[in-house]
N, C-alpha and C. Protein backbone atom coordinates (compact mmCIF):
# COMPACT_ATOMS: atom_id res chain seq x y z
N MET A 1 0.79 -1.19 0.00
CA MET A 1 0.00 0.00 0.00
C MET A 1 0.85 1.28 0.00
N LYS A 2 2.02 1.21 0.65
CA LYS A 2 2.85 2.41 0.73
C LYS A 2 3.57 2.69 -0.59
N GLN A 3 3.76 1.68 -1.41
CA GLN A 3 4.46 1.87 -2.69
C GLN A 3 3.81 2.94 -3.56
N PRO A 4 2.47 2.93 -3.80
CA PRO A 4 1.87 3.98 -4.62
C PRO A 4 2.04 5.37 -4.03
N ILE A 5 2.06 5.48 -2.70
CA ILE A 5 2.24 6.79 -2.07
C ILE A 5 3.63 7.33 -2.39
N ILE A 6 4.64 6.45 -2.30
CA ILE A 6 6.01 6.87 -2.62
C ILE A 6 6.09 7.27 -4.09
N GLN A 7 5.51 6.47 -4.97
CA GLN A 7 5.54 6.79 -6.38
C GLN A 7 4.81 8.10 -6.65
N SER A 8 3.70 8.33 -5.97
CA SER A 8 2.95 9.57 -6.17
C SER A 8 3.76 10.77 -5.71
N ALA A 9 4.44 10.64 -4.58
CA ALA A 9 5.27 11.74 -4.09
C ALA A 9 6.41 12.01 -5.05
N PHE A 10 7.02 10.94 -5.56
CA PHE A 10 8.10 11.10 -6.53
C PHE A 10 7.59 11.76 -7.80
N ALA A 11 6.43 11.29 -8.30
CA ALA A 11 5.86 11.86 -9.52
C ALA A 11 5.51 13.32 -9.33
N ALA A 12 4.97 13.67 -8.17
CA ALA A 12 4.62 15.07 -7.91
C ALA A 12 5.87 15.95 -7.88
N ASP A 13 6.95 15.44 -7.29
CA ASP A 13 8.20 16.19 -7.25
C ASP A 13 8.78 16.34 -8.65
N LEU A 14 8.73 15.27 -9.43
CA LEU A 14 9.21 15.31 -10.81
C LEU A 14 8.37 16.28 -11.64
N ASP A 15 7.06 16.25 -11.47
CA ASP A 15 6.19 17.17 -12.20
C ASP A 15 6.53 18.62 -11.87
N GLU A 16 6.81 18.88 -10.62
CA GLU A 16 7.16 20.24 -10.20
C GLU A 16 8.48 20.67 -10.84
N GLN A 17 9.46 19.77 -10.88
CA GLN A 17 10.73 20.07 -11.53
C GLN A 17 10.53 20.36 -13.02
N ILE A 18 9.71 19.55 -13.66
CA ILE A 18 9.43 19.74 -15.09
C ILE A 18 8.77 21.09 -15.31
N LYS A 19 7.78 21.42 -14.50
CA LYS A 19 7.08 22.71 -14.66
C LYS A 19 8.03 23.88 -14.48
N GLN A 20 8.92 23.78 -13.49
CA GLN A 20 9.88 24.86 -13.26
C GLN A 20 10.82 25.04 -14.45
N LEU A 21 11.28 23.92 -15.01
CA LEU A 21 12.16 24.01 -16.18
C LEU A 21 11.42 24.57 -17.39
N LEU A 22 10.17 24.17 -17.59
CA LEU A 22 9.40 24.67 -18.73
C LEU A 22 9.11 26.15 -18.60
N LYS A 23 8.92 26.63 -17.39
CA LYS A 23 8.68 28.06 -17.18
C LYS A 23 9.90 28.89 -17.58
N GLN A 24 11.07 28.28 -17.52
CA GLN A 24 12.30 28.98 -17.93
C GLN A 24 12.42 29.06 -19.44
N GLY A 25 11.65 28.25 -20.16
CA GLY A 25 11.68 28.25 -21.61
C GLY A 25 12.52 27.12 -22.15
N MET A 26 12.24 26.78 -23.39
CA MET A 26 12.92 25.66 -24.04
C MET A 26 14.26 26.13 -24.61
N PRO A 27 15.28 25.26 -24.52
CA PRO A 27 16.57 25.62 -25.11
C PRO A 27 16.50 25.59 -26.64
N VAL A 28 17.37 26.35 -27.25
CA VAL A 28 17.48 26.36 -28.71
C VAL A 28 18.61 25.41 -29.07
N CYS A 29 18.25 24.18 -29.41
CA CYS A 29 19.22 23.16 -29.80
C CYS A 29 18.49 22.09 -30.61
N GLN A 30 19.24 21.17 -31.19
CA GLN A 30 18.64 20.16 -32.06
C GLN A 30 17.57 19.34 -31.35
N ARG A 31 17.81 18.96 -30.08
CA ARG A 31 16.88 18.11 -29.34
C ARG A 31 16.62 18.71 -27.95
N PRO A 32 15.78 19.74 -27.88
CA PRO A 32 15.57 20.43 -26.61
C PRO A 32 14.95 19.56 -25.52
N PHE A 33 14.08 18.63 -25.89
CA PHE A 33 13.48 17.77 -24.87
C PHE A 33 14.51 16.79 -24.31
N LEU A 34 15.42 16.32 -25.13
CA LEU A 34 16.49 15.45 -24.66
C LEU A 34 17.40 16.22 -23.70
N HIS A 35 17.70 17.45 -24.04
CA HIS A 35 18.54 18.31 -23.18
C HIS A 35 17.92 18.44 -21.78
N ILE A 36 16.63 18.71 -21.72
CA ILE A 36 15.94 18.84 -20.43
C ILE A 36 15.84 17.49 -19.74
N ALA A 37 15.54 16.44 -20.50
CA ALA A 37 15.40 15.10 -19.92
C ALA A 37 16.69 14.66 -19.23
N LYS A 38 17.83 14.93 -19.86
CA LYS A 38 19.11 14.56 -19.26
C LYS A 38 19.31 15.27 -17.92
N SER A 39 18.91 16.53 -17.85
CA SER A 39 19.08 17.26 -16.59
C SER A 39 18.18 16.70 -15.48
N LEU A 40 17.11 16.02 -15.87
CA LEU A 40 16.20 15.41 -14.91
C LEU A 40 16.52 13.93 -14.66
N GLY A 41 17.47 13.39 -15.42
CA GLY A 41 17.82 11.99 -15.27
C GLY A 41 16.77 11.04 -15.82
N MET A 42 16.13 11.44 -16.91
CA MET A 42 15.11 10.59 -17.50
C MET A 42 15.27 10.58 -19.02
N GLY A 43 14.53 9.74 -19.69
CA GLY A 43 14.58 9.64 -21.14
C GLY A 43 13.75 10.72 -21.80
N GLU A 44 14.10 11.00 -23.05
CA GLU A 44 13.41 12.03 -23.82
C GLU A 44 11.93 11.72 -24.00
N MET A 45 11.61 10.49 -24.39
CA MET A 45 10.21 10.14 -24.62
C MET A 45 9.43 10.14 -23.31
N ALA A 46 10.07 9.74 -22.22
CA ALA A 46 9.40 9.77 -20.91
C ALA A 46 9.04 11.21 -20.54
N LEU A 47 9.93 12.14 -20.84
CA LEU A 47 9.65 13.55 -20.55
C LEU A 47 8.49 14.05 -21.41
N ILE A 48 8.51 13.73 -22.70
CA ILE A 48 7.45 14.17 -23.60
C ILE A 48 6.10 13.63 -23.13
N LEU A 49 6.07 12.36 -22.75
CA LEU A 49 4.82 11.77 -22.25
C LEU A 49 4.38 12.42 -20.94
N ARG A 50 5.33 12.75 -20.09
CA ARG A 50 4.99 13.40 -18.82
C ARG A 50 4.42 14.80 -19.08
N ILE A 51 4.98 15.53 -20.03
CA ILE A 51 4.48 16.86 -20.38
C ILE A 51 3.07 16.74 -20.94
N GLN A 52 2.84 15.74 -21.80
CA GLN A 52 1.49 15.52 -22.32
C GLN A 52 0.51 15.28 -21.18
N HIS A 53 0.92 14.52 -20.19
CA HIS A 53 0.08 14.26 -19.02
C HIS A 53 -0.20 15.56 -18.26
N LEU A 54 0.82 16.39 -18.10
CA LEU A 54 0.63 17.66 -17.38
C LEU A 54 -0.30 18.60 -18.14
N ILE A 55 -0.18 18.62 -19.44
CA ILE A 55 -1.02 19.51 -20.25
C ILE A 55 -2.48 19.13 -20.15
N LYS A 56 -2.75 17.85 -19.98
CA LYS A 56 -4.14 17.39 -19.87
C LYS A 56 -4.76 17.78 -18.53
N GLN A 57 -3.97 18.30 -17.61
CA GLN A 57 -4.45 18.70 -16.30
C GLN A 57 -4.37 20.22 -16.18
N PRO A 58 -5.37 20.97 -16.67
CA PRO A 58 -5.28 22.43 -16.68
C PRO A 58 -5.15 23.05 -15.30
N ARG A 59 -5.67 22.41 -14.27
CA ARG A 59 -5.55 22.97 -12.92
C ARG A 59 -4.08 23.06 -12.52
N ILE A 60 -3.32 22.07 -12.86
CA ILE A 60 -1.90 22.06 -12.51
C ILE A 60 -1.16 23.12 -13.32
N TYR A 61 -1.56 23.31 -14.55
CA TYR A 61 -0.81 24.20 -15.43
C TYR A 61 -1.39 25.60 -15.55
N ALA A 62 -2.41 25.92 -14.77
CA ALA A 62 -2.92 27.29 -14.81
C ALA A 62 -1.90 28.17 -14.12
N VAL A 63 -1.30 29.07 -14.87
CA VAL A 63 -0.23 29.90 -14.35
C VAL A 63 -0.69 31.35 -14.39
N GLY A 64 -0.42 32.06 -13.34
CA GLY A 64 -0.76 33.48 -13.31
C GLY A 64 0.42 34.27 -12.81
N ASP A 65 0.53 35.49 -13.27
CA ASP A 65 1.62 36.33 -12.84
C ASP A 65 1.13 37.76 -12.84
N LYS A 66 1.51 38.51 -11.82
CA LYS A 66 1.04 39.88 -11.69
C LYS A 66 1.85 40.88 -12.52
N ARG A 67 2.98 40.44 -13.05
CA ARG A 67 3.78 41.35 -13.87
C ARG A 67 3.03 41.64 -15.16
N ARG A 68 2.88 42.89 -15.48
CA ARG A 68 2.06 43.29 -16.63
C ARG A 68 2.75 43.08 -17.97
N ASN A 69 4.06 42.95 -17.99
CA ASN A 69 4.76 42.83 -19.26
C ASN A 69 4.84 41.39 -19.76
N ARG A 70 4.11 40.48 -19.13
CA ARG A 70 4.13 39.08 -19.55
C ARG A 70 2.73 38.62 -19.91
N SER A 71 2.66 37.70 -20.86
CA SER A 71 1.39 37.10 -21.26
C SER A 71 1.43 35.63 -20.93
N TYR A 72 0.33 35.12 -20.40
CA TYR A 72 0.27 33.71 -20.03
C TYR A 72 -0.95 33.05 -20.65
N ARG A 73 -0.80 31.80 -21.04
CA ARG A 73 -1.89 31.00 -21.56
C ARG A 73 -1.91 29.70 -20.79
N ALA A 74 -3.09 29.14 -20.58
CA ALA A 74 -3.17 27.83 -19.93
C ALA A 74 -2.46 26.81 -20.79
N GLY A 75 -1.64 25.99 -20.18
CA GLY A 75 -0.94 24.95 -20.92
C GLY A 75 0.45 25.33 -21.36
N ASN A 76 0.73 26.60 -21.55
CA ASN A 76 2.09 26.99 -21.84
C ASN A 76 2.31 28.43 -21.42
N VAL A 77 3.53 28.82 -21.40
CA VAL A 77 3.90 30.16 -20.96
C VAL A 77 4.74 30.79 -22.05
N TYR A 78 4.42 32.00 -22.41
CA TYR A 78 5.29 32.69 -23.35
C TYR A 78 5.33 34.16 -23.03
N THR A 79 6.41 34.76 -23.42
CA THR A 79 6.59 36.19 -23.20
C THR A 79 7.13 36.80 -24.47
N LEU A 80 6.50 37.85 -24.90
CA LEU A 80 7.03 38.63 -26.02
C LEU A 80 7.27 40.04 -25.54
N ASN A 81 8.45 40.52 -25.76
CA ASN A 81 8.76 41.88 -25.39
C ASN A 81 8.12 42.84 -26.38
N PRO A 82 7.95 44.10 -26.00
CA PRO A 82 7.42 45.08 -26.96
C PRO A 82 8.31 45.12 -28.20
N PRO A 83 7.72 45.31 -29.37
CA PRO A 83 8.53 45.34 -30.59
C PRO A 83 9.53 46.48 -30.59
N HIS A 84 10.68 46.19 -31.09
CA HIS A 84 11.72 47.20 -31.22
C HIS A 84 11.58 47.88 -32.57
N THR A 85 11.56 49.18 -32.58
CA THR A 85 11.37 49.90 -33.83
C THR A 85 12.62 49.88 -34.70
N ASP A 86 13.79 49.64 -34.10
CA ASP A 86 15.03 49.66 -34.87
C ASP A 86 15.43 48.28 -35.40
N VAL A 87 14.61 47.27 -35.18
CA VAL A 87 14.92 45.92 -35.64
C VAL A 87 14.09 45.62 -36.89
N VAL A 88 14.76 45.21 -37.95
CA VAL A 88 14.07 44.83 -39.18
C VAL A 88 14.05 43.31 -39.24
N LEU A 89 12.86 42.76 -39.36
CA LEU A 89 12.71 41.31 -39.42
C LEU A 89 12.37 40.87 -40.83
N SER A 90 12.97 39.78 -41.24
CA SER A 90 12.66 39.21 -42.56
C SER A 90 11.34 38.46 -42.47
N HIS A 91 10.84 38.06 -43.62
CA HIS A 91 9.63 37.25 -43.68
C HIS A 91 9.80 35.98 -42.85
N TRP A 92 10.99 35.33 -42.98
CA TRP A 92 11.25 34.09 -42.25
C TRP A 92 11.27 34.32 -40.74
N ASP A 93 11.87 35.44 -40.32
CA ASP A 93 11.90 35.76 -38.89
C ASP A 93 10.49 35.93 -38.34
N ILE A 94 9.65 36.59 -39.08
CA ILE A 94 8.27 36.82 -38.63
C ILE A 94 7.51 35.50 -38.55
N GLN A 95 7.68 34.65 -39.56
CA GLN A 95 7.01 33.34 -39.54
C GLN A 95 7.51 32.48 -38.39
N LEU A 96 8.82 32.49 -38.17
CA LEU A 96 9.39 31.71 -37.07
C LEU A 96 8.93 32.26 -35.72
N LEU A 97 8.87 33.57 -35.60
CA LEU A 97 8.40 34.18 -34.36
C LEU A 97 6.97 33.75 -34.05
N LYS A 98 6.13 33.67 -35.08
CA LYS A 98 4.76 33.19 -34.87
C LYS A 98 4.75 31.74 -34.39
N LEU A 99 5.60 30.90 -34.98
CA LEU A 99 5.68 29.50 -34.56
C LEU A 99 6.18 29.39 -33.13
N LEU A 100 7.21 30.18 -32.79
CA LEU A 100 7.76 30.14 -31.44
C LEU A 100 6.75 30.62 -30.41
N ARG A 101 5.93 31.59 -30.79
CA ARG A 101 4.89 32.08 -29.87
C ARG A 101 3.90 30.97 -29.52
N ASN A 102 3.61 30.10 -30.49
CA ASN A 102 2.71 28.98 -30.24
C ASN A 102 3.37 27.87 -29.44
N GLY A 103 4.68 27.87 -29.40
CA GLY A 103 5.42 26.89 -28.61
C GLY A 103 5.93 25.73 -29.43
N LEU A 104 6.89 25.01 -28.82
CA LEU A 104 7.47 23.86 -29.50
C LEU A 104 6.52 22.67 -29.46
N PRO A 105 6.35 22.00 -30.58
CA PRO A 105 5.53 20.78 -30.58
C PRO A 105 6.20 19.70 -29.73
N LEU A 106 5.40 18.82 -29.17
CA LEU A 106 5.93 17.72 -28.36
C LEU A 106 6.49 16.65 -29.30
N SER A 107 7.68 16.89 -29.74
CA SER A 107 8.39 16.02 -30.67
C SER A 107 9.85 16.00 -30.25
N SER A 108 10.54 14.90 -30.53
CA SER A 108 11.95 14.84 -30.15
C SER A 108 12.79 15.86 -30.92
N ARG A 109 12.32 16.28 -32.06
CA ARG A 109 13.05 17.27 -32.87
C ARG A 109 12.09 18.37 -33.35
N PRO A 110 11.62 19.21 -32.42
CA PRO A 110 10.62 20.21 -32.79
C PRO A 110 11.12 21.26 -33.78
N TYR A 111 12.41 21.61 -33.70
CA TYR A 111 12.92 22.60 -34.63
C TYR A 111 12.99 22.04 -36.06
N HIS A 112 13.09 20.72 -36.19
CA HIS A 112 13.03 20.09 -37.51
C HIS A 112 11.64 20.29 -38.13
N LEU A 113 10.60 20.19 -37.30
CA LEU A 113 9.24 20.43 -37.80
C LEU A 113 9.08 21.87 -38.27
N PHE A 114 9.65 22.80 -37.51
CA PHE A 114 9.61 24.21 -37.93
C PHE A 114 10.34 24.38 -39.25
N ALA A 115 11.51 23.75 -39.38
CA ALA A 115 12.30 23.87 -40.62
C ALA A 115 11.52 23.34 -41.81
N ARG A 116 10.88 22.20 -41.62
CA ARG A 116 10.09 21.61 -42.71
C ARG A 116 8.94 22.55 -43.07
N HIS A 117 8.28 23.10 -42.06
CA HIS A 117 7.15 24.00 -42.30
C HIS A 117 7.59 25.27 -43.03
N LEU A 118 8.75 25.80 -42.65
CA LEU A 118 9.24 27.04 -43.26
C LEU A 118 10.06 26.80 -44.52
N GLU A 119 10.35 25.52 -44.80
CA GLU A 119 11.15 25.14 -45.96
C GLU A 119 12.55 25.77 -45.92
N VAL A 120 13.18 25.67 -44.74
CA VAL A 120 14.56 26.10 -44.54
C VAL A 120 15.28 24.98 -43.79
N THR A 121 16.57 25.14 -43.58
CA THR A 121 17.33 24.12 -42.86
C THR A 121 17.11 24.26 -41.35
N VAL A 122 17.39 23.19 -40.64
CA VAL A 122 17.30 23.21 -39.18
C VAL A 122 18.30 24.20 -38.61
N ASP A 123 19.50 24.23 -39.18
CA ASP A 123 20.51 25.19 -38.71
C ASP A 123 20.02 26.62 -38.83
N GLU A 124 19.29 26.91 -39.92
CA GLU A 124 18.74 28.25 -40.12
C GLU A 124 17.70 28.57 -39.04
N VAL A 125 16.86 27.59 -38.73
CA VAL A 125 15.84 27.79 -37.69
C VAL A 125 16.51 28.03 -36.34
N LEU A 126 17.52 27.23 -36.02
CA LEU A 126 18.22 27.39 -34.74
C LEU A 126 18.92 28.74 -34.67
N PHE A 127 19.58 29.13 -35.75
CA PHE A 127 20.27 30.43 -35.79
C PHE A 127 19.28 31.57 -35.61
N ARG A 128 18.17 31.53 -36.36
CA ARG A 128 17.18 32.62 -36.27
C ARG A 128 16.47 32.63 -34.92
N SER A 129 16.22 31.46 -34.34
CA SER A 129 15.58 31.40 -33.02
C SER A 129 16.47 32.05 -31.97
N GLU A 130 17.74 31.73 -32.02
CA GLU A 130 18.69 32.33 -31.07
C GLU A 130 18.81 33.83 -31.32
N ARG A 131 18.80 34.24 -32.57
CA ARG A 131 18.86 35.67 -32.92
C ARG A 131 17.65 36.42 -32.36
N LEU A 132 16.46 35.85 -32.53
CA LEU A 132 15.25 36.49 -32.00
C LEU A 132 15.31 36.61 -30.48
N ARG A 133 15.86 35.59 -29.84
CA ARG A 133 16.02 35.63 -28.38
C ARG A 133 17.05 36.71 -28.00
N ASN A 134 18.18 36.76 -28.71
CA ASN A 134 19.22 37.75 -28.41
C ASN A 134 18.76 39.17 -28.67
N LEU A 135 17.87 39.36 -29.64
CA LEU A 135 17.32 40.68 -29.92
C LEU A 135 16.30 41.11 -28.87
N GLY A 136 15.90 40.17 -28.02
CA GLY A 136 14.93 40.49 -26.99
C GLY A 136 13.50 40.44 -27.48
N LEU A 137 13.27 39.84 -28.65
CA LEU A 137 11.91 39.76 -29.17
C LEU A 137 11.13 38.61 -28.56
N ILE A 138 11.84 37.65 -28.01
CA ILE A 138 11.18 36.56 -27.29
C ILE A 138 12.08 36.16 -26.12
N ASP A 139 11.49 36.03 -24.96
CA ASP A 139 12.24 35.64 -23.77
C ASP A 139 12.15 34.15 -23.52
N ILE A 140 10.94 33.63 -23.57
CA ILE A 140 10.70 32.24 -23.21
C ILE A 140 10.12 31.50 -24.42
N ILE A 141 10.74 30.39 -24.77
CA ILE A 141 10.18 29.54 -25.82
C ILE A 141 9.43 28.42 -25.10
N PRO A 142 8.11 28.41 -25.25
CA PRO A 142 7.29 27.46 -24.49
C PRO A 142 7.13 26.12 -25.20
N VAL A 143 6.44 25.23 -24.53
CA VAL A 143 5.99 23.98 -25.12
C VAL A 143 4.56 24.21 -25.59
N ALA A 144 4.27 23.81 -26.81
CA ALA A 144 2.92 24.02 -27.35
C ALA A 144 1.94 23.07 -26.67
N ARG A 145 0.72 23.57 -26.51
CA ARG A 145 -0.33 22.71 -25.97
C ARG A 145 -0.74 21.68 -27.02
N PHE A 146 -0.89 22.13 -28.24
CA PHE A 146 -1.19 21.24 -29.37
C PHE A 146 -0.32 21.68 -30.52
N SER A 147 0.22 20.73 -31.25
CA SER A 147 1.05 21.05 -32.39
C SER A 147 0.21 21.75 -33.46
N GLN A 148 0.74 22.84 -33.99
CA GLN A 148 0.06 23.58 -35.04
C GLN A 148 0.49 23.11 -36.43
N LEU A 149 1.44 22.18 -36.49
CA LEU A 149 1.99 21.76 -37.78
C LEU A 149 1.32 20.50 -38.28
């Protein structure tokens, strides 16, 4: 009887760790879920399945923040800074920014899906994603609630 209680406590602690890492935003790399999974000591697919489980529980993922310069949605968190008037964005940057605002799909290689959708290379998507982050146009790259691709 005590075994499920221990597993539940472990799962709750793991869920909290996952939520904290997701609130920090997804890394810009070939396999961002693998990167996070390694830091948690778990497999990539196990992390993706755990995130899917968390997303199905809106009470757990309802996030609120009193800071006015941030926008929050149930299921994922994203922040866009006010647009900079001195930054010129290409068509690809604007399309990628829209995809990033919706969040990364729950896939082992989400940036590959973006590259396929935009018809550019994965390296181009990674470079532009990092550029948009460095320009301050996006702070947090979230996990998408549902894949838009």
